[in-house]
PDB file of N, CA and C in Angstrom:
ATOM      1  N   MET A   1       3.201  42.881 102.965  1.00  0.00           N
ATOM      2  CA  MET A   1       3.939  41.929 103.783  1.00  0.00           C
ATOM      3  C   MET A   1       3.458  42.008 105.227  1.00  0.00           C
ATOM      4  N   PRO A   2       3.563  40.924 105.948  1.00  0.00           N
ATOM      5  CA  PRO A   2       3.148  40.936 107.363  1.00  0.00           C
ATOM      6  C   PRO A   2       4.046  41.853 108.173  1.00  0.00           C
ATOM      7  N   PRO A   3       3.644  42.181 109.363  1.00  0.00           N
ATOM      8  CA  PRO A   3       4.453  43.049 110.208  1.00  0.00           C
ATOM      9  C   PRO A   3       5.780  42.377 110.588  1.00  0.00           C
ATOM     10  N   TYR A   4       6.769  43.180 110.913  1.00  0.00           N
ATOM     11  CA  TYR A   4       8.068  42.661 111.328  1.00  0.00           C
ATOM     12  C   TYR A   4       7.935  41.918 112.652  1.00  0.00           C
ATOM     13  N   ASN A   5       8.708  40.866 112.806  1.00  0.00           N
ATOM     14  CA  ASN A   5       8.740  40.072 114.012  1.00  0.00           C
ATOM     15  C   ASN A   5      10.065  40.328 114.708  1.00  0.00           C
ATOM     16  N   PHE A   6      10.036  41.008 115.867  1.00  0.00           N
ATOM     17  CA  PHE A   6      11.270  41.351 116.542  1.00  0.00           C
ATOM     18  C   PHE A   6      11.564  40.468 117.760  1.00  0.00           C
ATOM     19  N   THR A   7      10.742  39.456 118.024  1.00  0.00           N
ATOM     20  CA  THR A   7      11.021  38.605 119.180  1.00  0.00           C
ATOM     21  C   THR A   7      12.126  37.614 118.890  1.00  0.00           C
ATOM     22  N   ALA A   8      12.262  37.144 117.708  1.00  0.00           N
ATOM     23  CA  ALA A   8      13.370  36.301 117.261  1.00  0.00           C
ATOM     24  C   ALA A   8      13.666  36.761 115.842  1.00  0.00           C
ATOM     25  N   MET A   9      14.923  36.647 115.469  1.00  0.00           N
ATOM     26  CA  MET A   9      15.283  37.234 114.172  1.00  0.00           C
ATOM     27  C   MET A   9      16.221  36.340 113.400  1.00  0.00           C
ATOM     28  N   ILE A  10      16.446  36.722 112.182  1.00  0.00           N
ATOM     29  CA  ILE A  10      17.541  36.242 111.376  1.00  0.00           C
ATOM     30  C   ILE A  10      18.462  37.426 111.205  1.00  0.00           C
ATOM     31  N   TYR A  11      19.735  37.244 111.435  1.00  0.00           N
ATOM     32  CA  TYR A  11      20.717  38.334 111.421  1.00  0.00           C
ATOM     33  C   TYR A  11      21.665  38.217 110.233  1.00  0.00           C
ATOM     34  N   ILE A  12      22.342  39.312 109.946  1.00  0.00           N
ATOM     35  CA  ILE A  12      23.344  39.329 108.876  1.00  0.00           C
ATOM     36  C   ILE A  12      24.582  40.060 109.384  1.00  0.00           C
ATOM     37  N   SER A  13      25.751  39.483 109.127  1.00  0.00           N
ATOM     38  CA  SER A  13      27.011  40.128 109.529  1.00  0.00           C
ATOM     39  C   SER A  13      27.323  41.282 108.601  1.00  0.00           C
ATOM     40  N   GLU A  14      28.259  42.124 109.005  1.00  0.00           N
ATOM     41  CA  GLU A  14      28.661  43.241 108.139  1.00  0.00           C
ATOM     42  C   GLU A  14      29.274  42.728 106.831  1.00  0.00           C
ATOM     43  N   ASP A  15      30.104  41.670 106.908  1.00  0.00           N
ATOM     44  CA  ASP A  15      30.704  41.124 105.671  1.00  0.00           C
ATOM     45  C   ASP A  15      29.644  40.585 104.728  1.00  0.00           C
ATOM     46  N   ALA A  16      28.627  39.889 105.271  1.00  0.00           N
ATOM     47  CA  ALA A  16      27.567  39.352 104.443  1.00  0.00           C
ATOM     48  C   ALA A  16      26.725  40.467 103.858  1.00  0.00           C
ATOM     49  N   LYS A  17      26.473  41.491 104.666  1.00  0.00           N
ATOM     50  CA  LYS A  17      25.718  42.656 104.170  1.00  0.00           C
ATOM     51  C   LYS A  17      26.413  43.287 102.976  1.00  0.00           C
ATOM     52  N   THR A  18      27.713  43.503 103.094  1.00  0.00           N
ATOM     53  CA  THR A  18      28.492  44.123 102.028  1.00  0.00           C
ATOM     54  C   THR A  18      28.390  43.267 100.758  1.00  0.00           C
ATOM     55  N   LYS A  19      28.528  41.955 100.874  1.00  0.00           N
ATOM     56  CA  LYS A  19      28.472  41.089  99.710  1.00  0.00           C
ATOM     57  C   LYS A  19      27.081  41.019  99.102  1.00  0.00           C
ATOM     58  N   VAL A  20      26.027  40.964  99.942  1.00  0.00           N
ATOM     59  CA  VAL A  20      24.660  40.936  99.445  1.00  0.00           C
ATOM     60  C   VAL A  20      24.375  42.212  98.640  1.00  0.00           C
ATOM     61  N   LEU A  21      24.759  43.370  99.191  1.00  0.00           N
ATOM     62  CA  LEU A  21      24.515  44.627  98.484  1.00  0.00           C
ATOM     63  C   LEU A  21      25.324  44.711  97.195  1.00  0.00           C
ATOM     64  N   GLU A  22      26.527  44.180  97.200  1.00  0.00           N
ATOM     65  CA  GLU A  22      27.364  44.124  96.003  1.00  0.00           C
ATOM     66  C   GLU A  22      26.689  43.257  94.926  1.00  0.00           C
ATOM     67  N   LEU A  23      26.190  42.092  95.307  1.00  0.00           N
ATOM     68  CA  LEU A  23      25.522  41.205  94.344  1.00  0.00           C
ATOM     69  C   LEU A  23      24.231  41.822  93.815  1.00  0.00           C
ATOM     70  N   LYS A  24      23.510  42.516  94.694  1.00  0.00           N
ATOM     71  CA  LYS A  24      22.278  43.171  94.294  1.00  0.00           C
ATOM     72  C   LYS A  24      22.549  44.262  93.262  1.00  0.00           C
ATOM     73  N   ARG A  25      23.586  45.053  93.519  1.00  0.00           N
ATOM     74  CA  ARG A  25      23.969  46.110  92.555  1.00  0.00           C
ATOM     75  C   ARG A  25      24.423  45.510  91.234  1.00  0.00           C
ATOM     76  N   ALA A  26      25.226  44.450  91.288  1.00  0.00           N
ATOM     77  CA  ALA A  26      25.747  43.812  90.068  1.00  0.00           C
ATOM     78  C   ALA A  26      24.600  43.230  89.221  1.00  0.00           C
ATOM     79  N   ALA A  27      23.528  42.808  89.856  1.00  0.00           N
ATOM     80  CA  ALA A  27      22.365  42.272  89.138  1.00  0.00           C
ATOM     81  C   ALA A  27      21.372  43.352  88.753  1.00  0.00           C
ATOM     82  N   ASN A  28      21.696  44.610  89.052  1.00  0.00           N
ATOM     83  CA  ASN A  28      20.800  45.753  88.761  1.00  0.00           C
ATOM     84  C   ASN A  28      19.409  45.578  89.341  1.00  0.00           C
ATOM     85  N   LEU A  29      19.335  45.097  90.601  1.00  0.00           N
ATOM     86  CA  LEU A  29      18.063  44.899  91.260  1.00  0.00           C
ATOM     87  C   LEU A  29      17.642  46.173  91.971  1.00  0.00           C
ATOM     88  N   THR A  30      16.375  46.479  91.939  1.00  0.00           N
ATOM     89  CA  THR A  30      15.834  47.668  92.578  1.00  0.00           C
ATOM     90  C   THR A  30      15.665  47.443  94.075  1.00  0.00           C
ATOM     91  N   ASP A  31      15.315  48.512  94.770  1.00  0.00           N
ATOM     92  CA  ASP A  31      15.173  48.455  96.232  1.00  0.00           C
ATOM     93  C   ASP A  31      14.038  47.568  96.690  1.00  0.00           C
ATOM     94  N   ASP A  32      13.086  47.214  95.800  1.00  0.00           N
ATOM     95  CA  ASP A  32      11.976  46.377  96.234  1.00  0.00           C
ATOM     96  C   ASP A  32      12.396  44.875  96.283  1.00  0.00           C
ATOM     97  N   PHE A  33      13.619  44.541  95.911  1.00  0.00           N
ATOM     98  CA  PHE A  33      14.121  43.173  96.048  1.00  0.00           C
ATOM     99  C   PHE A  33      14.700  42.983  97.438  1.00  0.00           C
ATOM    100  N   PHE A  34      14.484  41.804  98.002  1.00  0.00           N
ATOM    101  CA  PHE A  34      14.988  41.441  99.309  1.00  0.00           C
ATOM    102  C   PHE A  34      15.671  40.094  99.208  1.00  0.00           C
ATOM    103  N   LEU A  35      16.344  39.681 100.269  1.00  0.00           N
ATOM    104  CA  LEU A  35      17.018  38.408 100.301  1.00  0.00           C
ATOM    105  C   LEU A  35      16.076  37.365 100.932  1.00  0.00           C
ATOM    106  N   ARG A  36      15.690  36.365 100.153  1.00  0.00           N
ATOM    107  CA  ARG A  36      14.844  35.289 100.665  1.00  0.00           C
ATOM    108  C   ARG A  36      15.777  34.149 101.090  1.00  0.00           C
ATOM    109  N   VAL A  37      15.649  33.760 102.354  1.00  0.00           N
ATOM    110  CA  VAL A  37      16.432  32.676 102.924  1.00  0.00           C
ATOM    111  C   VAL A  37      15.473  31.550 103.282  1.00  0.00           C
ATOM    112  N   SER A  38      15.833  30.309 102.914  1.00  0.00           N
ATOM    113  CA  SER A  38      14.948  29.206 103.242  1.00  0.00           C
ATOM    114  C   SER A  38      15.747  27.952 103.534  1.00  0.00           C
ATOM    115  N   VAL A  39      15.050  26.957 104.030  1.00  0.00           N
ATOM    116  CA  VAL A  39      15.612  25.646 104.329  1.00  0.00           C
ATOM    117  C   VAL A  39      14.916  24.640 103.445  1.00  0.00           C
ATOM    118  N   VAL A  40      15.686  23.806 102.779  1.00  0.00           N
ATOM    119  CA  VAL A  40      15.133  22.771 101.900  1.00  0.00           C
ATOM    120  C   VAL A  40      15.738  21.425 102.297  1.00  0.00           C
ATOM    121  N   GLY A  41      15.055  20.360 101.981  1.00  0.00           N
ATOM    122  CA  GLY A  41      15.568  19.031 102.230  1.00  0.00           C
ATOM    123  C   GLY A  41      16.747  18.748 101.307  1.00  0.00           C
ATOM    124  N   GLY A  42      17.753  18.049 101.835  1.00  0.00           N
ATOM    125  CA  GLY A  42      18.881  17.667 101.011  1.00  0.00           C
ATOM    126  C   GLY A  42      20.201  17.933 101.713  1.00  0.00           C
ATOM    127  N   GLY A  43      21.284  17.675 101.023  1.00  0.00           N
ATOM    128  CA  GLY A  43      22.597  17.843 101.608  1.00  0.00           C
ATOM    129  C   GLY A  43      22.982  16.625 102.396  1.00  0.00           C
ATOM    130  N   CYS A  44      24.234  16.556 102.760  1.00  0.00           N
ATOM    131  CA  CYS A  44      24.701  15.345 103.465  1.00  0.00           C
ATOM    132  C   CYS A  44      24.215  15.257 104.916  1.00  0.00           C
ATOM    133  N   SER A  45      23.702  16.347 105.479  1.00  0.00           N
ATOM    134  CA  SER A  45      23.160  16.298 106.829  1.00  0.00           C
ATOM    135  C   SER A  45      21.639  16.319 106.881  1.00  0.00           C
ATOM    136  N   GLY A  46      20.975  16.393 105.754  1.00  0.00           N
ATOM    137  CA  GLY A  46      19.517  16.299 105.721  1.00  0.00           C
ATOM    138  C   GLY A  46      18.791  17.586 105.343  1.00  0.00           C
ATOM    139  N   LEU A  47      19.308  18.732 105.728  1.00  0.00           N
ATOM    140  CA  LEU A  47      18.696  20.018 105.407  1.00  0.00           C
ATOM    141  C   LEU A  47      19.748  20.957 104.844  1.00  0.00           C
ATOM    142  N   SER A  48      19.353  21.761 103.855  1.00  0.00           N
ATOM    143  CA  SER A  48      20.282  22.715 103.244  1.00  0.00           C
ATOM    144  C   SER A  48      19.677  24.103 103.254  1.00  0.00           C
ATOM    145  N   TYR A  49      20.553  25.088 103.215  1.00  0.00           N
ATOM    146  CA  TYR A  49      20.136  26.498 103.133  1.00  0.00           C
ATOM    147  C   TYR A  49      19.976  26.886 101.680  1.00  0.00           C
ATOM    148  N   LYS A  50      19.052  27.778 101.411  1.00  0.00           N
ATOM    149  CA  LYS A  50      18.843  28.320 100.076  1.00  0.00           C
ATOM    150  C   LYS A  50      18.664  29.826 100.190  1.00  0.00           C
ATOM    151  N   MET A  51      19.301  30.574  99.269  1.00  0.00           N
ATOM    152  CA  MET A  51      19.184  32.035  99.262  1.00  0.00           C
ATOM    153  C   MET A  51      18.924  32.506  97.842  1.00  0.00           C
ATOM    154  N   ASP A  52      17.995  33.443  97.696  1.00  0.00           N
ATOM    155  CA  ASP A  52      17.685  34.044  96.400  1.00  0.00           C
ATOM    156  C   ASP A  52      17.232  35.474  96.646  1.00  0.00           C
ATOM    157  N   PHE A  53      17.383  36.315  95.625  1.00  0.00           N
ATOM    158  CA  PHE A  53      16.741  37.617  95.655  1.00  0.00           C
ATOM    159  C   PHE A  53      15.316  37.434  95.179  1.00  0.00           C
ATOM    160  N   ASP A  54      14.400  38.142  95.781  1.00  0.00           N
ATOM    161  CA  ASP A  54      12.962  38.026  95.460  1.00  0.00           C
ATOM    162  C   ASP A  54      12.332  39.394  95.655  1.00  0.00           C
ATOM    163  N   ASN A  55      11.182  39.622  95.001  1.00  0.00           N
ATOM    164  CA  ASN A  55      10.460  40.859  95.220  1.00  0.00           C
ATOM    165  C   ASN A  55       8.981  40.632  95.402  1.00  0.00           C
ATOM    166  N   GLU A  56       8.590  39.361  95.617  1.00  0.00           N
ATOM    167  CA  GLU A  56       7.206  39.041  95.815  1.00  0.00           C
ATOM    168  C   GLU A  56       6.978  38.405  97.174  1.00  0.00           C
ATOM    169  N   ALA A  57       6.107  38.997  97.953  1.00  0.00           N
ATOM    170  CA  ALA A  57       5.756  38.443  99.278  1.00  0.00           C
ATOM    171  C   ALA A  57       4.860  37.235  99.090  1.00  0.00           C
ATOM    172  N   ARG A  58       4.963  36.309 100.018  1.00  0.00           N
ATOM    173  CA  ARG A  58       4.125  35.097 100.016  1.00  0.00           C
ATOM    174  C   ARG A  58       3.366  35.031 101.344  1.00  0.00           C
ATOM    175  N   PRO A  59       2.247  34.342 101.339  1.00  0.00           N
ATOM    176  CA  PRO A  59       1.499  34.188 102.597  1.00  0.00           C
ATOM    177  C   PRO A  59       2.425  33.542 103.663  1.00  0.00           C
ATOM    178  N   ASN A  60       2.306  33.999 104.864  1.00  0.00           N
ATOM    179  CA  ASN A  60       3.079  33.490 106.024  1.00  0.00           C
ATOM    180  C   ASN A  60       4.556  33.801 105.966  1.00  0.00           C
ATOM    181  N   ASP A  61       5.004  34.752 105.109  1.00  0.00           N
ATOM    182  CA  ASP A  61       6.394  35.173 105.133  1.00  0.00           C
ATOM    183  C   ASP A  61       6.705  35.843 106.464  1.00  0.00           C
ATOM    184  N   GLN A  62       7.883  35.605 106.953  1.00  0.00           N
ATOM    185  CA  GLN A  62       8.397  36.280 108.136  1.00  0.00           C
ATOM    186  C   GLN A  62       9.442  37.289 107.635  1.00  0.00           C
ATOM    187  N   VAL A  63       9.269  38.532 108.020  1.00  0.00           N
ATOM    188  CA  VAL A  63      10.092  39.619 107.482  1.00  0.00           C
ATOM    189  C   VAL A  63      10.963  40.200 108.593  1.00  0.00           C
ATOM    190  N   PHE A  64      12.261  40.360 108.298  1.00  0.00           N
ATOM    191  CA  PHE A  64      13.202  40.907 109.248  1.00  0.00           C
ATOM    192  C   PHE A  64      14.070  41.922 108.546  1.00  0.00           C
ATOM    193  N   GLU A  65      14.632  42.830 109.325  1.00  0.00           N
ATOM    194  CA  GLU A  65      15.600  43.765 108.747  1.00  0.00           C
ATOM    195  C   GLU A  65      16.743  43.883 109.736  1.00  0.00           C
ATOM    196  N   ASP A  66      17.937  43.665 109.245  1.00  0.00           N
ATOM    197  CA  ASP A  66      19.143  43.812 110.076  1.00  0.00           C
ATOM    198  C   ASP A  66      20.197  44.537 109.278  1.00  0.00           C
ATOM    199  N   LYS A  67      20.753  45.560 109.849  1.00  0.00           N
ATOM    200  CA  LYS A  67      21.801  46.373 109.205  1.00  0.00           C
ATOM    201  C   LYS A  67      21.343  46.912 107.860  1.00  0.00           C
ATOM    202  N   GLY A  68      20.076  47.197 107.744  1.00  0.00           N
ATOM    203  CA  GLY A  68      19.530  47.775 106.510  1.00  0.00           C
ATOM    204  C   GLY A  68      19.239  46.777 105.418  1.00  0.00           C
ATOM    205  N   VAL A  69      19.378  45.490 105.684  1.00  0.00           N
ATOM    206  CA  VAL A  69      19.089  44.468 104.691  1.00  0.00           C
ATOM    207  C   VAL A  69      17.806  43.748 105.097  1.00  0.00           C
ATOM    208  N   LYS A  70      16.855  43.665 104.180  1.00  0.00           N
ATOM    209  CA  LYS A  70      15.601  42.979 104.423  1.00  0.00           C
ATOM    210  C   LYS A  70      15.808  41.490 104.139  1.00  0.00           C
ATOM    211  N   LEU A  71      15.543  40.671 105.145  1.00  0.00           N
ATOM    212  CA  LEU A  71      15.642  39.230 105.056  1.00  0.00           C
ATOM    213  C   LEU A  71      14.237  38.652 105.229  1.00  0.00           C
ATOM    214  N   VAL A  72      13.848  37.764 104.337  1.00  0.00           N
ATOM    215  CA  VAL A  72      12.506  37.184 104.352  1.00  0.00           C
ATOM    216  C   VAL A  72      12.618  35.672 104.297  1.00  0.00           C
ATOM    217  N   THR A  73      11.795  35.001 105.072  1.00  0.00           N
ATOM    218  CA  THR A  73      11.755  33.539 105.064  1.00  0.00           C
ATOM    219  C   THR A  73      10.304  33.071 105.238  1.00  0.00           C
ATOM    220  N   ASP A  74      10.048  31.887 104.760  1.00  0.00           N
ATOM    221  CA  ASP A  74       8.715  31.303 104.994  1.00  0.00           C
ATOM    222  C   ASP A  74       8.649  30.810 106.449  1.00  0.00           C
ATOM    223  N   LEU A  75       7.454  30.603 106.947  1.00  0.00           N
ATOM    224  CA  LEU A  75       7.284  30.244 108.330  1.00  0.00           C
ATOM    225  C   LEU A  75       7.934  28.902 108.667  1.00  0.00           C
ATOM    226  N   LYS A  76       7.818  27.922 107.790  1.00  0.00           N
ATOM    227  CA  LYS A  76       8.407  26.604 108.061  1.00  0.00           C
ATOM    228  C   LYS A  76       9.933  26.710 108.181  1.00  0.00           C
ATOM    229  N   SER A  77      10.562  27.462 107.264  1.00  0.00           N
ATOM    230  CA  SER A  77      12.015  27.641 107.344  1.00  0.00           C
ATOM    231  C   SER A  77      12.423  28.392 108.590  1.00  0.00           C
ATOM    232  N   PHE A  78      11.580  29.364 109.003  1.00  0.00           N
ATOM    233  CA  PHE A  78      11.942  30.162 110.176  1.00  0.00           C
ATOM    234  C   PHE A  78      12.056  29.299 111.422  1.00  0.00           C
ATOM    235  N   LEU A  79      11.307  28.212 111.490  1.00  0.00           N
ATOM    236  CA  LEU A  79      11.419  27.311 112.643  1.00  0.00           C
ATOM    237  C   LEU A  79      12.826  26.737 112.784  1.00  0.00           C
ATOM    238  N   TYR A  80      13.570  26.639 111.683  1.00  0.00           N
ATOM    239  CA  TYR A  80      14.959  26.176 111.687  1.00  0.00           C
ATOM    240  C   TYR A  80      15.967  27.310 111.746  1.00  0.00           C
ATOM    241  N   LEU A  81      15.529  28.521 111.367  1.00  0.00           N
ATOM    242  CA  LEU A  81      16.469  29.636 111.188  1.00  0.00           C
ATOM    243  C   LEU A  81      16.438  30.688 112.267  1.00  0.00           C
ATOM    244  N   PHE A  82      15.524  30.637 113.254  1.00  0.00           N
ATOM    245  CA  PHE A  82      15.466  31.741 114.199  1.00  0.00           C
ATOM    246  C   PHE A  82      16.772  31.868 114.939  1.00  0.00           C
ATOM    247  N   ASP A  83      17.203  33.110 115.121  1.00  0.00           N
ATOM    248  CA  ASP A  83      18.461  33.496 115.758  1.00  0.00           C
ATOM    249  C   ASP A  83      19.706  33.035 114.997  1.00  0.00           C
ATOM    250  N   THR A  84      19.556  32.762 113.723  1.00  0.00           N
ATOM    251  CA  THR A  84      20.683  32.384 112.857  1.00  0.00           C
ATOM    252  C   THR A  84      21.298  33.650 112.241  1.00  0.00           C
ATOM    253  N   GLU A  85      22.585  33.643 112.036  1.00  0.00           N
ATOM    254  CA  GLU A  85      23.263  34.760 111.402  1.00  0.00           C
ATOM    255  C   GLU A  85      23.873  34.307 110.066  1.00  0.00           C
ATOM    256  N   LEU A  86      23.599  35.092 109.035  1.00  0.00           N
ATOM    257  CA  LEU A  86      24.213  34.876 107.726  1.00  0.00           C
ATOM    258  C   LEU A  86      25.572  35.611 107.722  1.00  0.00           C
ATOM    259  N   ASN A  87      26.612  34.883 107.363  1.00  0.00           N
ATOM    260  CA  ASN A  87      27.961  35.431 107.339  1.00  0.00           C
ATOM    261  C   ASN A  87      28.569  35.258 105.950  1.00  0.00           C
ATOM    262  N   PHE A  88      29.676  35.942 105.718  1.00  0.00           N
ATOM    263  CA  PHE A  88      30.411  35.788 104.477  1.00  0.00           C
ATOM    264  C   PHE A  88      31.888  35.827 104.789  1.00  0.00           C
ATOM    265  N   SER A  89      32.629  34.884 104.199  1.00  0.00           N
ATOM    266  CA  SER A  89      34.067  34.826 104.438  1.00  0.00           C
ATOM    267  C   SER A  89      34.818  34.894 103.115  1.00  0.00           C
ATOM    268  N   ARG A  90      35.823  35.739 103.079  1.00  0.00           N
ATOM    269  CA  ARG A  90      36.695  35.819 101.896  1.00  0.00           C
ATOM    270  C   ARG A  90      38.015  35.144 102.207  1.00  0.00           C
ATOM    271  N   GLY A  91      38.070  34.367 103.284  1.00  0.00           N
ATOM    272  CA  GLY A  91      39.305  33.785 103.757  1.00  0.00           C
ATOM    273  C   GLY A  91      39.906  32.740 102.818  1.00  0.00           C
ATOM    274  N   LEU A  92      40.999  32.151 103.273  1.00  0.00           N
ATOM    275  CA  LEU A  92      41.718  31.151 102.487  1.00  0.00           C
ATOM    276  C   LEU A  92      40.871  29.942 102.153  1.00  0.00           C
ATOM    277  N   GLU A  93      39.921  29.611 103.014  1.00  0.00           N
ATOM    278  CA  GLU A  93      39.049  28.489 102.765  1.00  0.00           C
ATOM    279  C   GLU A  93      38.051  28.757 101.641  1.00  0.00           C
ATOM    280  N   GLY A  94      37.879  30.047 101.324  1.00  0.00           N
ATOM    281  CA  GLY A  94      36.958  30.416 100.234  1.00  0.00           C
ATOM    282  C   GLY A  94      35.538  29.999 100.532  1.00  0.00           C
ATOM    283  N   LYS A  95      35.143  30.122 101.757  1.00  0.00           N
ATOM    284  CA  LYS A  95      33.843  29.617 102.211  1.00  0.00           C
ATOM    285  C   LYS A  95      32.656  30.335 101.588  1.00  0.00           C
ATOM    286  N   GLY A  96      32.760  31.623 101.298  1.00  0.00           N
ATOM    287  CA  GLY A  96      31.626  32.365 100.773  1.00  0.00           C
ATOM    288  C   GLY A  96      30.591  32.593 101.844  1.00  0.00           C
ATOM    289  N   PHE A  97      29.307  32.504 101.478  1.00  0.00           N
ATOM    290  CA  PHE A  97      28.228  32.652 102.457  1.00  0.00           C
ATOM    291  C   PHE A  97      28.132  31.408 103.301  1.00  0.00           C
ATOM    292  N   TYR A  98      27.893  31.611 104.590  1.00  0.00           N
ATOM    293  CA  TYR A  98      27.635  30.492 105.473  1.00  0.00           C
ATOM    294  C   TYR A  98      26.767  30.956 106.626  1.00  0.00           C
ATOM    295  N   PHE A  99      26.121  30.037 107.317  1.00  0.00           N
ATOM    296  CA  PHE A  99      25.180  30.344 108.380  1.00  0.00           C
ATOM    297  C   PHE A  99      25.736  29.884 109.710  1.00  0.00           C
ATOM    298  N   VAL A 100      25.587  30.715 110.716  1.00  0.00           N
ATOM    299  CA  VAL A 100      25.855  30.308 112.084  1.00  0.00           C
ATOM    300  C   VAL A 100      24.498  30.092 112.726  1.00  0.00           C
ATOM    301  N   ASN A 101      24.136  28.825 112.855  1.00  0.00           N
ATOM    302  CA  ASN A 101      22.792  28.454 113.268  1.00  0.00           C
ATOM    303  C   ASN A 101      22.821  27.751 114.616  1.00  0.00           C
ATOM    304  N   PRO A 102      22.366  28.426 115.677  1.00  0.00           N
ATOM    305  CA  PRO A 102      22.388  27.807 117.002  1.00  0.00           C
ATOM    306  C   PRO A 102      21.380  26.656 117.139  1.00  0.00           C
ATOM    307  N   ASN A 103      20.508  26.497 116.173  1.00  0.00           N
ATOM    308  CA  ASN A 103      19.500  25.442 116.235  1.00  0.00           C
ATOM    309  C   ASN A 103      19.987  24.120 115.611  1.00  0.00           C
ATOM    310  N   ALA A 104      21.128  24.153 114.915  1.00  0.00           N
ATOM    311  CA  ALA A 104      21.637  22.972 114.250  1.00  0.00           C
ATOM    312  C   ALA A 104      22.335  22.064 115.254  1.00  0.00           C
ATOM    313  N   ALA A 105      21.925  20.805 115.288  1.00  0.00           N
ATOM    314  CA  ALA A 105      22.563  19.830 116.157  1.00  0.00           C
ATOM    315  C   ALA A 105      23.896  19.386 115.573  1.00  0.00           C
ATOM    316  N   ARG A 106      23.974  19.313 114.251  1.00  0.00           N
ATOM    317  CA  ARG A 106      25.224  19.015 113.580  1.00  0.00           C
ATOM    318  C   ARG A 106      25.222  19.634 112.188  1.00  0.00           C
ATOM    319  N   THR A 107      26.415  19.876 111.664  1.00  0.00           N
ATOM    320  CA  THR A 107      26.528  20.406 110.309  1.00  0.00           C
ATOM    321  C   THR A 107      27.518  19.526 109.555  1.00  0.00           C
ATOM    322  N   CYS A 108      27.482  19.596 108.235  1.00  0.00           N
ATOM    323  CA  CYS A 108      28.424  18.842 107.422  1.00  0.00           C
ATOM    324  C   CYS A 108      29.741  19.577 107.353  1.00  0.00           C
ATOM    325  N   GLY A 109      30.756  18.958 106.815  1.00  0.00           N
ATOM    326  CA  GLY A 109      32.072  19.550 106.708  1.00  0.00           C
ATOM    327  C   GLY A 109      32.096  20.811 105.865  1.00  0.00           C
ATOM    328  N   CYS A 110      31.273  20.884 104.829  1.00  0.00           N
ATOM    329  CA  CYS A 110      31.279  22.055 103.961  1.00  0.00           C
ATOM    330  C   CYS A 110      30.438  23.198 104.550  1.00  0.00           C
ATOM    331  N   GLY A 111      29.603  22.927 105.552  1.00  0.00           N
ATOM    332  CA  GLY A 111      28.803  23.959 106.188  1.00  0.00           C
ATOM    333  C   GLY A 111      27.549  24.351 105.429  1.00  0.00           C
ATOM    334  N   GLU A 112      27.224  23.593 104.359  1.00  0.00           N
ATOM    335  CA  GLU A 112      26.064  23.957 103.556  1.00  0.00           C
ATOM    336  C   GLU A 112      24.815  23.173 103.951  1.00  0.00           C
ATOM    337  N   SER A 113      24.951  22.170 104.802  1.00  0.00           N
ATOM    338  CA  SER A 113      23.786  21.442 105.243  1.00  0.00           C
ATOM    339  C   SER A 113      23.866  21.219 106.744  1.00  0.00           C
ATOM    340  N   PHE A 114      22.732  20.883 107.353  1.00  0.00           N
ATOM    341  CA  PHE A 114      22.687  20.720 108.800  1.00  0.00           C
ATOM    342  C   PHE A 114      21.561  19.790 109.192  1.00  0.00           C
ATOM    343  N   ALA A 115      21.539  19.416 110.463  1.00  0.00           N
ATOM    344  CA  ALA A 115      20.472  18.604 111.009  1.00  0.00           C
ATOM    345  C   ALA A 115      20.073  19.185 112.365  1.00  0.00           C
ATOM    346  N   VAL A 116      18.836  18.943 112.737  1.00  0.00           N
ATOM    347  CA  VAL A 116      18.336  19.452 114.039  1.00  0.00           C
ATOM    348  C   VAL A 116      17.989  18.284 114.925  1.00  0.00           C
TER     349      VAL A 116
END
């Protein structure tokens, strides 16, 4: 994998970290799996977030580590995700995972898509 980029990052909250590690354990994934975060076209605002566990590096991957969780994104997605924080809510709204993205000009009501 390419070297870590510490000038801009993707962050993870403590609640999201706890849930990611819980899901990783439940799926019996080894330590070589990381959380791949990306941006894809779609959703009511034009762009949507995508998350998967992965263990294969790709050319131009951007690699980050926050609170002991390795987060990986492709370069194109990173242009939309820099300085974004992945959060998790167990609240009454039942939001689950959501992103706090300072680069988004607007987001949809459900918080799963955004526009720049």
